[in-house]
Amino acid sequence: SAVLLARALPGIYVLPVLLAPVLVGAGQIGRNRALFVGFAAAILLAGY
């Protein structure tokens, strides 16, 4: 949903929208949080 929403918003909002799932996920991942954040951010940015 974030990738689709980022396409419809002005450029200033794109990065916060794409990183929102990363931040949400960071709160739900335990000891592998840093790995999740790094790879999730890369996946979302690359898909967009």
All heavy atoms as atom14 arrays in JSON, in Angstrom:
{
  "sequence": "SAVLLARALPGIYVLPVLLAPVLVGAGQIGRNRALFVGFAAAILLAGY",
  "atom14_mask": [
    [1, 1, 1, 1, 1, 1, 0, 0, 0, 0, 0, 0, 0, 0],
    [1, 1, 1, 1, 1, 0, 0, 0, 0, 0, 0, 0, 0, 0],
    [1, 1, 1, 1, 1, 1, 1, 0, 0, 0, 0, 0, 0, 0],
    [1, 1, 1, 1, 1, 1, 1, 1, 0, 0, 0, 0, 0, 0],
    [1, 1, 1, 1, 1, 1, 1, 1, 0, 0, 0, 0, 0, 0],
    [1, 1, 1, 1, 1, 0, 0, 0, 0, 0, 0, 0, 0, 0],
    [1, 1, 1, 1, 1, 1, 1, 1, 1, 1, 1, 0, 0, 0],
    [1, 1, 1, 1, 1, 0, 0, 0, 0, 0, 0, 0, 0, 0],
    [1, 1, 1, 1, 1, 1, 1, 1, 0, 0, 0, 0, 0, 0],
    [1, 1, 1, 1, 1, 1, 1, 0, 0, 0, 0, 0, 0, 0],
    [1, 1, 1, 1, 0, 0, 0, 0, 0, 0, 0, 0, 0, 0],
    [1, 1, 1, 1, 1, 1, 1, 1, 0, 0, 0, 0, 0, 0],
    [1, 1, 1, 1, 1, 1, 1, 1, 1, 1, 1, 1, 0, 0],
    [1, 1, 1, 1, 1, 1, 1, 0, 0, 0, 0, 0, 0, 0],
    [1, 1, 1, 1, 1, 1, 1, 1, 0, 0, 0, 0, 0, 0],
    [1, 1, 1, 1, 1, 1, 1, 0, 0, 0, 0, 0, 0, 0],
    [1, 1, 1, 1, 1, 1, 1, 0, 0, 0, 0, 0, 0, 0],
    [1, 1, 1, 1, 1, 1, 1, 1, 0, 0, 0, 0, 0, 0],
    [1, 1, 1, 1, 1, 1, 1, 1, 0, 0, 0, 0, 0, 0],
    [1, 1, 1, 1, 1, 0, 0, 0, 0, 0, 0, 0, 0, 0],
    [1, 1, 1, 1, 1, 1, 1, 0, 0, 0, 0, 0, 0, 0],
    [1, 1, 1, 1, 1, 1, 1, 0, 0, 0, 0, 0, 0, 0],
    [1, 1, 1, 1, 1, 1, 1, 1, 0, 0, 0, 0, 0, 0],
    [1, 1, 1, 1, 1, 1, 1, 0, 0, 0, 0, 0, 0, 0],
    [1, 1, 1, 1, 0, 0, 0, 0, 0, 0, 0, 0, 0, 0],
    [1, 1, 1, 1, 1, 0, 0, 0, 0, 0, 0, 0, 0, 0],
    [1, 1, 1, 1, 0, 0, 0, 0, 0, 0, 0, 0, 0, 0],
    [1, 1, 1, 1, 1, 1, 1, 1, 1, 0, 0, 0, 0, 0],
    [1, 1, 1, 1, 1, 1, 1, 1, 0, 0, 0, 0, 0, 0],
    [1, 1, 1, 1, 0, 0, 0, 0, 0, 0, 0, 0, 0, 0],
    [1, 1, 1, 1, 1, 1, 1, 1, 1, 1, 1, 0, 0, 0],
    [1, 1, 1, 1, 1, 1, 1, 1, 0, 0, 0, 0, 0, 0],
    [1, 1, 1, 1, 1, 1, 1, 1, 1, 1, 1, 0, 0, 0],
    [1, 1, 1, 1, 1, 0, 0, 0, 0, 0, 0, 0, 0, 0],
    [1, 1, 1, 1, 1, 1, 1, 1, 0, 0, 0, 0, 0, 0],
    [1, 1, 1, 1, 1, 1, 1, 1, 1, 1, 1, 0, 0, 0],
    [1, 1, 1, 1, 1, 1, 1, 0, 0, 0, 0, 0, 0, 0],
    [1, 1, 1, 1, 0, 0, 0, 0, 0, 0, 0, 0, 0, 0],
    [1, 1, 1, 1, 1, 1, 1, 1, 1, 1, 1, 0, 0, 0],
    [1, 1, 1, 1, 1, 0, 0, 0, 0, 0, 0, 0, 0, 0],
    [1, 1, 1, 1, 1, 0, 0, 0, 0, 0, 0, 0, 0, 0],
    [1, 1, 1, 1, 1, 0, 0, 0, 0, 0, 0, 0, 0, 0],
    [1, 1, 1, 1, 1, 1, 1, 1, 0, 0, 0, 0, 0, 0],
    [1, 1, 1, 1, 1, 1, 1, 1, 0, 0, 0, 0, 0, 0],
    [1, 1, 1, 1, 1, 1, 1, 1, 0, 0, 0, 0, 0, 0],
    [1, 1, 1, 1, 1, 0, 0, 0, 0, 0, 0, 0, 0, 0],
    [1, 1, 1, 1, 0, 0, 0, 0, 0, 0, 0, 0, 0, 0],
    [1, 1, 1, 1, 1, 1, 1, 1, 1, 1, 1, 1, 0, 0]
  ],
  "atom14_positions": [
    [[0.83, -1.21, 0.0], [0.0, 0.0, 0.0], [0.87, 1.25, 0.0], [0.53, 2.26, -0.65], [-0.92, 0.0, 1.23], [-1.75, -1.14, 1.26], [0.0, 0.0, 0.0], [0.0, 0.0, 0.0], [0.0, 0.0, 0.0], [0.0, 0.0, 0.0], [0.0, 0.0, 0.0], [0.0, 0.0, 0.0], [0.0, 0.0, 0.0], [0.0, 0.0, 0.0]],
    [[2.0, 1.21, 0.71], [2.87, 2.39, 0.78], [3.46, 2.72, -0.59], [3.56, 3.9, -0.95], [3.99, 2.13, 1.79], [0.0, 0.0, 0.0], [0.0, 0.0, 0.0], [0.0, 0.0, 0.0], [0.0, 0.0, 0.0], [0.0, 0.0, 0.0], [0.0, 0.0, 0.0], [0.0, 0.0, 0.0], [0.0, 0.0, 0.0], [0.0, 0.0, 0.0]],
    [[3.83, 1.7, -1.36], [4.39, 1.95, -2.7], [3.35, 2.62, -3.59], [3.65, 3.58, -4.31], [4.88, 0.63, -3.32], [5.29, 0.85, -4.78], [6.06, 0.08, -2.54], [0.0, 0.0, 0.0], [0.0, 0.0, 0.0], [0.0, 0.0, 0.0], [0.0, 0.0, 0.0], [0.0, 0.0, 0.0], [0.0, 0.0, 0.0], [0.0, 0.0, 0.0]],
    [[2.12, 2.14, -3.54], [1.06, 2.73, -4.36], [0.73, 4.15, -3.9], [0.52, 5.05, -4.72], [-0.19, 1.85, -4.3], [-0.08, 0.47, -4.97], [-1.36, -0.33, -4.76], [0.22, 0.61, -6.45], [0.0, 0.0, 0.0], [0.0, 0.0, 0.0], [0.0, 0.0, 0.0], [0.0, 0.0, 0.0], [0.0, 0.0, 0.0], [0.0, 0.0, 0.0]],
    [[0.68, 4.35, -2.58], [0.34, 5.67, -2.05], [1.44, 6.68, -2.37], [1.16, 7.84, -2.7], [0.14, 5.58, -0.54], [-0.24, 6.88, 0.19], [-1.55, 7.44, -0.36], [-0.36, 6.63, 1.69], [0.0, 0.0, 0.0], [0.0, 0.0, 0.0], [0.0, 0.0, 0.0], [0.0, 0.0, 0.0], [0.0, 0.0, 0.0], [0.0, 0.0, 0.0]],
    [[2.7, 6.24, -2.3], [3.82, 7.15, -2.58], [3.77, 7.69, -4.0], [4.19, 8.82, -4.26], [5.15, 6.43, -2.34], [0.0, 0.0, 0.0], [0.0, 0.0, 0.0], [0.0, 0.0, 0.0], [0.0, 0.0, 0.0], [0.0, 0.0, 0.0], [0.0, 0.0, 0.0], [0.0, 0.0, 0.0], [0.0, 0.0, 0.0], [0.0, 0.0, 0.0]],
    [[3.23, 6.89, -4.93], [3.12, 7.35, -6.32], [2.12, 8.49, -6.48], [2.23, 9.31, -7.38], [2.67, 6.19, -7.22], [3.77, 5.24, -7.62], [3.18, 4.09, -8.43], [2.22, 4.53, -9.43], [2.54, 4.91, -10.67], [3.81, 4.92, -11.04], [1.6, 5.27, -11.52], [0.0, 0.0, 0.0], [0.0, 0.0, 0.0], [0.0, 0.0, 0.0]],
    [[1.15, 8.54, -5.58], [0.07, 9.52, -5.72], [0.31, 10.8, -4.94], [-0.48, 11.73, -5.03], [-1.25, 8.88, -5.27], [0.0, 0.0, 0.0], [0.0, 0.0, 0.0], [0.0, 0.0, 0.0], [0.0, 0.0, 0.0], [0.0, 0.0, 0.0], [0.0, 0.0, 0.0], [0.0, 0.0, 0.0], [0.0, 0.0, 0.0], [0.0, 0.0, 0.0]],
    [[1.39, 10.86, -4.18], [1.64, 12.0, -3.31], [2.76, 12.88, -3.85], [3.61, 12.42, -4.61], [2.02, 11.5, -1.91], [0.93, 10.77, -1.14], [1.49, 10.22, 0.16], [-0.25, 11.71, -0.85], [0.0, 0.0, 0.0], [0.0, 0.0, 0.0], [0.0, 0.0, 0.0], [0.0, 0.0, 0.0], [0.0, 0.0, 0.0], [0.0, 0.0, 0.0]],
    [[2.78, 14.16, -3.45], [3.91, 15.03, -3.82], [5.21, 14.47, -3.28], [5.25, 13.74, -2.29], [3.54, 16.36, -3.14], [2.06, 16.3, -2.94], [1.72, 14.87, -2.71], [0.0, 0.0, 0.0], [0.0, 0.0, 0.0], [0.0, 0.0, 0.0], [0.0, 0.0, 0.0], [0.0, 0.0, 0.0], [0.0, 0.0, 0.0], [0.0, 0.0, 0.0]],
    [[6.32, 14.84, -3.93], [7.62, 14.28, -3.61], [8.03, 14.4, -2.16], [8.72, 13.52, -1.63], [0.0, 0.0, 0.0], [0.0, 0.0, 0.0], [0.0, 0.0, 0.0], [0.0, 0.0, 0.0], [0.0, 0.0, 0.0], [0.0, 0.0, 0.0], [0.0, 0.0, 0.0], [0.0, 0.0, 0.0], [0.0, 0.0, 0.0], [0.0, 0.0, 0.0]],
    [[7.62, 15.47, -1.48], [8.06, 15.69, -0.1], [7.52, 14.61, 0.84], [8.09, 14.36, 1.91], [7.61, 17.09, 0.37], [8.29, 17.44, 1.7], [6.09, 17.16, 0.5], [8.04, 18.86, 2.16], [0.0, 0.0, 0.0], [0.0, 0.0, 0.0], [0.0, 0.0, 0.0], [0.0, 0.0, 0.0], [0.0, 0.0, 0.0], [0.0, 0.0, 0.0]],
    [[6.44, 13.94, 0.45], [5.83, 12.93, 1.31], [6.28, 11.5, 0.98], [5.95, 10.57, 1.71], [4.3, 12.99, 1.21], [3.72, 14.32, 1.62], [3.14, 15.16, 0.67], [3.75, 14.74, 2.95], [2.6, 16.39, 1.04], [3.23, 15.96, 3.32], [2.65, 16.78, 2.36], [2.13, 18.0, 2.72], [0.0, 0.0, 0.0], [0.0, 0.0, 0.0]],
    [[6.98, 11.33, -0.11], [7.31, 9.98, -0.59], [8.14, 9.2, 0.41], [7.81, 8.07, 0.78], [8.03, 10.05, -1.95], [8.63, 8.69, -2.3], [7.06, 10.49, -3.04], [0.0, 0.0, 0.0], [0.0, 0.0, 0.0], [0.0, 0.0, 0.0], [0.0, 0.0, 0.0], [0.0, 0.0, 0.0], [0.0, 0.0, 0.0], [0.0, 0.0, 0.0]],
    [[9.25, 9.79, 0.87], [10.14, 9.06, 1.77], [9.46, 8.69, 3.09], [9.57, 7.54, 3.54], [11.41, 9.87, 2.02], [12.54, 9.13, 2.76], [12.95, 7.89, 1.97], [13.73, 10.06, 2.97], [0.0, 0.0, 0.0], [0.0, 0.0, 0.0], [0.0, 0.0, 0.0], [0.0, 0.0, 0.0], [0.0, 0.0, 0.0], [0.0, 0.0, 0.0]],
    [[8.75, 9.63, 3.76], [8.06, 9.24, 4.99], [7.06, 8.11, 4.78], [6.94, 7.2, 5.62], [7.36, 10.53, 5.42], [8.16, 11.62, 4.82], [8.63, 11.08, 3.51], [0.0, 0.0, 0.0], [0.0, 0.0, 0.0], [0.0, 0.0, 0.0], [0.0, 0.0, 0.0], [0.0, 0.0, 0.0], [0.0, 0.0, 0.0], [0.0, 0.0, 0.0]],
    [[6.33, 8.14, 3.67], [5.34, 7.09, 3.4], [6.03, 5.74, 3.18], [5.6, 4.71, 3.7], [4.47, 7.45, 2.17], [3.66, 6.24, 1.7], [3.55, 8.6, 2.51], [0.0, 0.0, 0.0], [0.0, 0.0, 0.0], [0.0, 0.0, 0.0], [0.0, 0.0, 0.0], [0.0, 0.0, 0.0], [0.0, 0.0, 0.0], [0.0, 0.0, 0.0]],
    [[7.13, 5.74, 2.42], [7.83, 4.49, 2.15], [8.48, 3.92, 3.41], [8.6, 2.7, 3.56], [8.9, 4.71, 1.08], [8.39, 4.98, -0.34], [9.56, 5.28, -1.26], [7.58, 3.8, -0.88], [0.0, 0.0, 0.0], [0.0, 0.0, 0.0], [0.0, 0.0, 0.0], [0.0, 0.0, 0.0], [0.0, 0.0, 0.0], [0.0, 0.0, 0.0]],
    [[8.92, 4.8, 4.31], [9.58, 4.33, 5.52], [8.61, 3.97, 6.63], [9.01, 3.34, 7.63], [10.57, 5.38, 6.03], [11.79, 5.65, 5.12], [12.7, 6.69, 5.76], [12.55, 4.36, 4.86], [0.0, 0.0, 0.0], [0.0, 0.0, 0.0], [0.0, 0.0, 0.0], [0.0, 0.0, 0.0], [0.0, 0.0, 0.0], [0.0, 0.0, 0.0]],
    [[7.35, 4.33, 6.48], [6.36, 4.02, 7.52], [6.28, 2.52, 7.83], [6.31, 2.12, 9.0], [4.99, 4.57, 7.13], [0.0, 0.0, 0.0], [0.0, 0.0, 0.0], [0.0, 0.0, 0.0], [0.0, 0.0, 0.0], [0.0, 0.0, 0.0], [0.0, 0.0, 0.0], [0.0, 0.0, 0.0], [0.0, 0.0, 0.0], [0.0, 0.0, 0.0]],
    [[6.18, 1.64, 6.81], [6.15, 0.19, 7.13], [7.42, -0.29, 7.82], [7.38, -1.22, 8.62], [6.0, -0.47, 5.75], [5.45, 0.59, 4.86], [6.03, 1.88, 5.36], [0.0, 0.0, 0.0], [0.0, 0.0, 0.0], [0.0, 0.0, 0.0], [0.0, 0.0, 0.0], [0.0, 0.0, 0.0], [0.0, 0.0, 0.0], [0.0, 0.0, 0.0]],
    [[8.55, 0.35, 7.5], [9.82, -0.02, 8.14], [9.77, 0.29, 9.64], [10.17, -0.53, 10.48], [11.0, 0.72, 7.48], [12.31, 0.33, 8.15], [11.04, 0.44, 5.99], [0.0, 0.0, 0.0], [0.0, 0.0, 0.0], [0.0, 0.0, 0.0], [0.0, 0.0, 0.0], [0.0, 0.0, 0.0], [0.0, 0.0, 0.0], [0.0, 0.0, 0.0]],
    [[9.26, 1.46, 9.96], [9.17, 1.86, 11.37], [8.16, 1.01, 12.13], [8.4, 0.62, 13.27], [8.8, 3.34, 11.46], [9.8, 4.32, 10.86], [9.29, 5.75, 10.95], [11.15, 4.19, 11.56], [0.0, 0.0, 0.0], [0.0, 0.0, 0.0], [0.0, 0.0, 0.0], [0.0, 0.0, 0.0], [0.0, 0.0, 0.0], [0.0, 0.0, 0.0]],
    [[7.05, 0.7, 11.47], [6.05, -0.17, 12.1], [6.65, -1.55, 12.36], [6.5, -2.14, 13.44], [4.79, -0.29, 11.22], [3.84, -1.34, 11.79], [4.08, 1.05, 11.12], [0.0, 0.0, 0.0], [0.0, 0.0, 0.0], [0.0, 0.0, 0.0], [0.0, 0.0, 0.0], [0.0, 0.0, 0.0], [0.0, 0.0, 0.0], [0.0, 0.0, 0.0]],
    [[7.35, -2.07, 11.36], [7.96, -3.38, 11.51], [9.05, -3.4, 12.57], [9.21, -4.38, 13.29], [0.0, 0.0, 0.0], [0.0, 0.0, 0.0], [0.0, 0.0, 0.0], [0.0, 0.0, 0.0], [0.0, 0.0, 0.0], [0.0, 0.0, 0.0], [0.0, 0.0, 0.0], [0.0, 0.0, 0.0], [0.0, 0.0, 0.0], [0.0, 0.0, 0.0]],
    [[9.79, -2.3, 12.69], [10.86, -2.24, 13.69], [10.32, -2.42, 15.09], [11.01, -2.95, 15.98], [11.6, -0.9, 13.59], [0.0, 0.0, 0.0], [0.0, 0.0, 0.0], [0.0, 0.0, 0.0], [0.0, 0.0, 0.0], [0.0, 0.0, 0.0], [0.0, 0.0, 0.0], [0.0, 0.0, 0.0], [0.0, 0.0, 0.0], [0.0, 0.0, 0.0]],
    [[9.07, -1.99, 15.3], [8.46, -2.16, 16.62], [7.97, -3.57, 16.89], [7.62, -3.9, 18.02], [0.0, 0.0, 0.0], [0.0, 0.0, 0.0], [0.0, 0.0, 0.0], [0.0, 0.0, 0.0], [0.0, 0.0, 0.0], [0.0, 0.0, 0.0], [0.0, 0.0, 0.0], [0.0, 0.0, 0.0], [0.0, 0.0, 0.0], [0.0, 0.0, 0.0]],
    [[7.95, -4.42, 15.84], [7.44, -5.78, 16.01], [8.52, -6.85, 15.87], [8.25, -8.03, 16.09], [6.33, -6.05, 14.98], [5.17, -5.07, 15.08], [4.05, -5.42, 14.12], [3.69, -6.57, 13.96], [3.5, -4.41, 13.47], [0.0, 0.0, 0.0], [0.0, 0.0, 0.0], [0.0, 0.0, 0.0], [0.0, 0.0, 0.0], [0.0, 0.0, 0.0]],
    [[9.71, -6.45, 15.45], [10.81, -7.4, 15.28], [11.69, -7.37, 16.51], [11.98, -6.3, 17.07], [11.65, -7.04, 14.04], [10.76, -6.93, 12.8], [12.76, -8.06, 13.82], [10.08, -8.22, 12.41], [0.0, 0.0, 0.0], [0.0, 0.0, 0.0], [0.0, 0.0, 0.0], [0.0, 0.0, 0.0], [0.0, 0.0, 0.0], [0.0, 0.0, 0.0]],
    [[12.15, -8.52, 16.94], [12.97, -8.61, 18.14], [14.44, -8.39, 17.87], [14.86, -7.32, 17.43], [0.0, 0.0, 0.0], [0.0, 0.0, 0.0], [0.0, 0.0, 0.0], [0.0, 0.0, 0.0], [0.0, 0.0, 0.0], [0.0, 0.0, 0.0], [0.0, 0.0, 0.0], [0.0, 0.0, 0.0], [0.0, 0.0, 0.0], [0.0, 0.0, 0.0]],
    [[15.24, -9.44, 18.06], [16.69, -9.28, 18.01], [17.24, -9.04, 16.62], [18.39, -8.65, 16.47], [17.37, -10.52, 18.6], [16.98, -11.82, 17.95], [17.44, -13.0, 18.79], [17.03, -14.27, 18.2], [17.8, -14.99, 17.42], [19.02, -14.55, 17.14], [17.38, -16.14, 16.92], [0.0, 0.0, 0.0], [0.0, 0.0, 0.0], [0.0, 0.0, 0.0]],
    [[16.44, -9.26, 15.59], [16.9, -9.02, 14.21], [16.38, -7.69, 13.66], [16.26, -7.52, 12.45], [16.45, -10.17, 13.31], [17.07, -11.49, 13.71], [18.27, -11.57, 13.96], [16.26, -12.54, 13.78], [0.0, 0.0, 0.0], [0.0, 0.0, 0.0], [0.0, 0.0, 0.0], [0.0, 0.0, 0.0], [0.0, 0.0, 0.0], [0.0, 0.0, 0.0]],
    [[16.1, -6.77, 14.56], [15.49, -5.5, 14.15], [16.35, -4.73, 13.14], [15.85, -4.22, 12.14], [15.23, -4.63, 15.37], [14.56, -3.28, 15.04], [14.27, -2.46, 16.28], [13.26, -3.11, 17.11], [13.49, -3.61, 18.32], [14.71, -3.54, 18.84], [12.52, -4.17, 19.01], [0.0, 0.0, 0.0], [0.0, 0.0, 0.0], [0.0, 0.0, 0.0]],
    [[17.65, -4.65, 13.39], [18.52, -3.88, 12.5], [18.55, -4.48, 11.1], [18.53, -3.75, 10.1], [19.93, -3.82, 13.08], [0.0, 0.0, 0.0], [0.0, 0.0, 0.0], [0.0, 0.0, 0.0], [0.0, 0.0, 0.0], [0.0, 0.0, 0.0], [0.0, 0.0, 0.0], [0.0, 0.0, 0.0], [0.0, 0.0, 0.0], [0.0, 0.0, 0.0]],
    [[18.59, -5.8, 11.01], [18.56, -6.45, 9.7], [17.25, -6.17, 8.98], [17.23, -5.87, 7.79], [18.74, -7.97, 9.86], [20.16, -8.45, 10.17], [20.14, -9.94, 10.48], [21.09, -8.15, 9.02], [0.0, 0.0, 0.0], [0.0, 0.0, 0.0], [0.0, 0.0, 0.0], [0.0, 0.0, 0.0], [0.0, 0.0, 0.0], [0.0, 0.0, 0.0]],
    [[16.14, -6.26, 9.71], [14.85, -5.98, 9.09], [14.78, -4.56, 8.58], [14.35, -4.32, 7.44], [13.71, -6.22, 10.09], [12.37, -5.78, 9.57], [11.61, -6.63, 8.77], [11.87, -4.51, 9.84], [10.39, -6.22, 8.25], [10.65, -4.09, 9.32], [9.91, -4.96, 8.53], [0.0, 0.0, 0.0], [0.0, 0.0, 0.0], [0.0, 0.0, 0.0]],
    [[15.19, -3.6, 9.39], [15.11, -2.19, 9.0], [15.93, -1.92, 7.74], [15.46, -1.27, 6.8], [15.58, -1.28, 10.16], [15.78, 0.15, 9.68], [14.56, -1.32, 11.29], [0.0, 0.0, 0.0], [0.0, 0.0, 0.0], [0.0, 0.0, 0.0], [0.0, 0.0, 0.0], [0.0, 0.0, 0.0], [0.0, 0.0, 0.0], [0.0, 0.0, 0.0]],
    [[17.15, -2.43, 7.7], [18.01, -2.19, 6.55], [17.45, -2.79, 5.27], [17.37, -2.12, 4.23], [0.0, 0.0, 0.0], [0.0, 0.0, 0.0], [0.0, 0.0, 0.0], [0.0, 0.0, 0.0], [0.0, 0.0, 0.0], [0.0, 0.0, 0.0], [0.0, 0.0, 0.0], [0.0, 0.0, 0.0], [0.0, 0.0, 0.0], [0.0, 0.0, 0.0]],
    [[17.07, -4.06, 5.32], [16.58, -4.72, 4.13], [15.19, -4.22, 3.73], [14.89, -4.08, 2.54], [16.55, -6.24, 4.34], [17.87, -6.9, 4.09], [18.79, -7.03, 5.12], [18.21, -7.38, 2.84], [20.03, -7.62, 4.9], [19.44, -7.97, 2.61], [20.35, -8.1, 3.63], [0.0, 0.0, 0.0], [0.0, 0.0, 0.0], [0.0, 0.0, 0.0]],
    [[14.33, -3.95, 4.7], [12.98, -3.47, 4.38], [13.05, -2.1, 3.7], [12.33, -1.85, 2.72], [12.13, -3.4, 5.65], [0.0, 0.0, 0.0], [0.0, 0.0, 0.0], [0.0, 0.0, 0.0], [0.0, 0.0, 0.0], [0.0, 0.0, 0.0], [0.0, 0.0, 0.0], [0.0, 0.0, 0.0], [0.0, 0.0, 0.0], [0.0, 0.0, 0.0]],
    [[13.89, -1.22, 4.21], [14.04, 0.1, 3.59], [14.54, -0.04, 2.16], [14.06, 0.65, 1.25], [14.99, 0.96, 4.42], [0.0, 0.0, 0.0], [0.0, 0.0, 0.0], [0.0, 0.0, 0.0], [0.0, 0.0, 0.0], [0.0, 0.0, 0.0], [0.0, 0.0, 0.0], [0.0, 0.0, 0.0], [0.0, 0.0, 0.0], [0.0, 0.0, 0.0]],
    [[15.5, -0.93, 1.94], [16.04, -1.14, 0.6], [14.98, -1.68, -0.35], [14.85, -1.24, -1.5], [17.23, -2.1, 0.66], [0.0, 0.0, 0.0], [0.0, 0.0, 0.0], [0.0, 0.0, 0.0], [0.0, 0.0, 0.0], [0.0, 0.0, 0.0], [0.0, 0.0, 0.0], [0.0, 0.0, 0.0], [0.0, 0.0, 0.0], [0.0, 0.0, 0.0]],
    [[14.18, -2.62, 0.11], [13.13, -3.21, -0.73], [12.09, -2.17, -1.12], [11.69, -2.07, -2.29], [12.47, -4.39, 0.01], [13.45, -5.56, 0.12], [11.19, -4.84, -0.71], [12.98, -6.67, 1.05], [0.0, 0.0, 0.0], [0.0, 0.0, 0.0], [0.0, 0.0, 0.0], [0.0, 0.0, 0.0], [0.0, 0.0, 0.0], [0.0, 0.0, 0.0]],
    [[11.64, -1.38, -0.16], [10.6, -0.38, -0.44], [11.12, 0.71, -1.38], [10.42, 1.1, -2.33], [10.11, 0.23, 0.86], [9.06, -0.63, 1.59], [9.15, -0.47, 3.09], [7.66, -0.27, 1.11], [0.0, 0.0, 0.0], [0.0, 0.0, 0.0], [0.0, 0.0, 0.0], [0.0, 0.0, 0.0], [0.0, 0.0, 0.0], [0.0, 0.0, 0.0]],
    [[12.32, 1.19, -1.14], [12.89, 2.22, -2.01], [13.12, 1.68, -3.42], [12.86, 2.37, -4.42], [14.2, 2.74, -1.43], [14.08, 3.63, -0.19], [15.44, 3.88, 0.43], [13.4, 4.95, -0.54], [0.0, 0.0, 0.0], [0.0, 0.0, 0.0], [0.0, 0.0, 0.0], [0.0, 0.0, 0.0], [0.0, 0.0, 0.0], [0.0, 0.0, 0.0]],
    [[13.6, 0.44, -3.52], [13.86, -0.14, -4.83], [12.57, -0.38, -5.6], [12.5, -0.12, -6.81], [14.62, -1.45, -4.67], [0.0, 0.0, 0.0], [0.0, 0.0, 0.0], [0.0, 0.0, 0.0], [0.0, 0.0, 0.0], [0.0, 0.0, 0.0], [0.0, 0.0, 0.0], [0.0, 0.0, 0.0], [0.0, 0.0, 0.0], [0.0, 0.0, 0.0]],
    [[11.54, -0.87, -4.93], [10.26, -1.09, -5.61], [9.67, 0.21, -6.12], [9.16, 0.27, -7.25], [0.0, 0.0, 0.0], [0.0, 0.0, 0.0], [0.0, 0.0, 0.0], [0.0, 0.0, 0.0], [0.0, 0.0, 0.0], [0.0, 0.0, 0.0], [0.0, 0.0, 0.0], [0.0, 0.0, 0.0], [0.0, 0.0, 0.0], [0.0, 0.0, 0.0]],
    [[9.73, 1.24, -5.3], [9.24, 2.55, -5.74], [10.09, 3.08, -6.89], [9.56, 3.66, -7.85], [9.27, 3.53, -4.57], [8.92, 4.94, -4.96], [7.59, 5.3, -5.19], [9.92, 5.91, -5.11], [7.27, 6.6, -5.57], [9.59, 7.19, -5.48], [8.27, 7.55, -5.71], [7.96, 8.83, -6.09], [0.0, 0.0, 0.0], [0.0, 0.0, 0.0]]
  ]
}
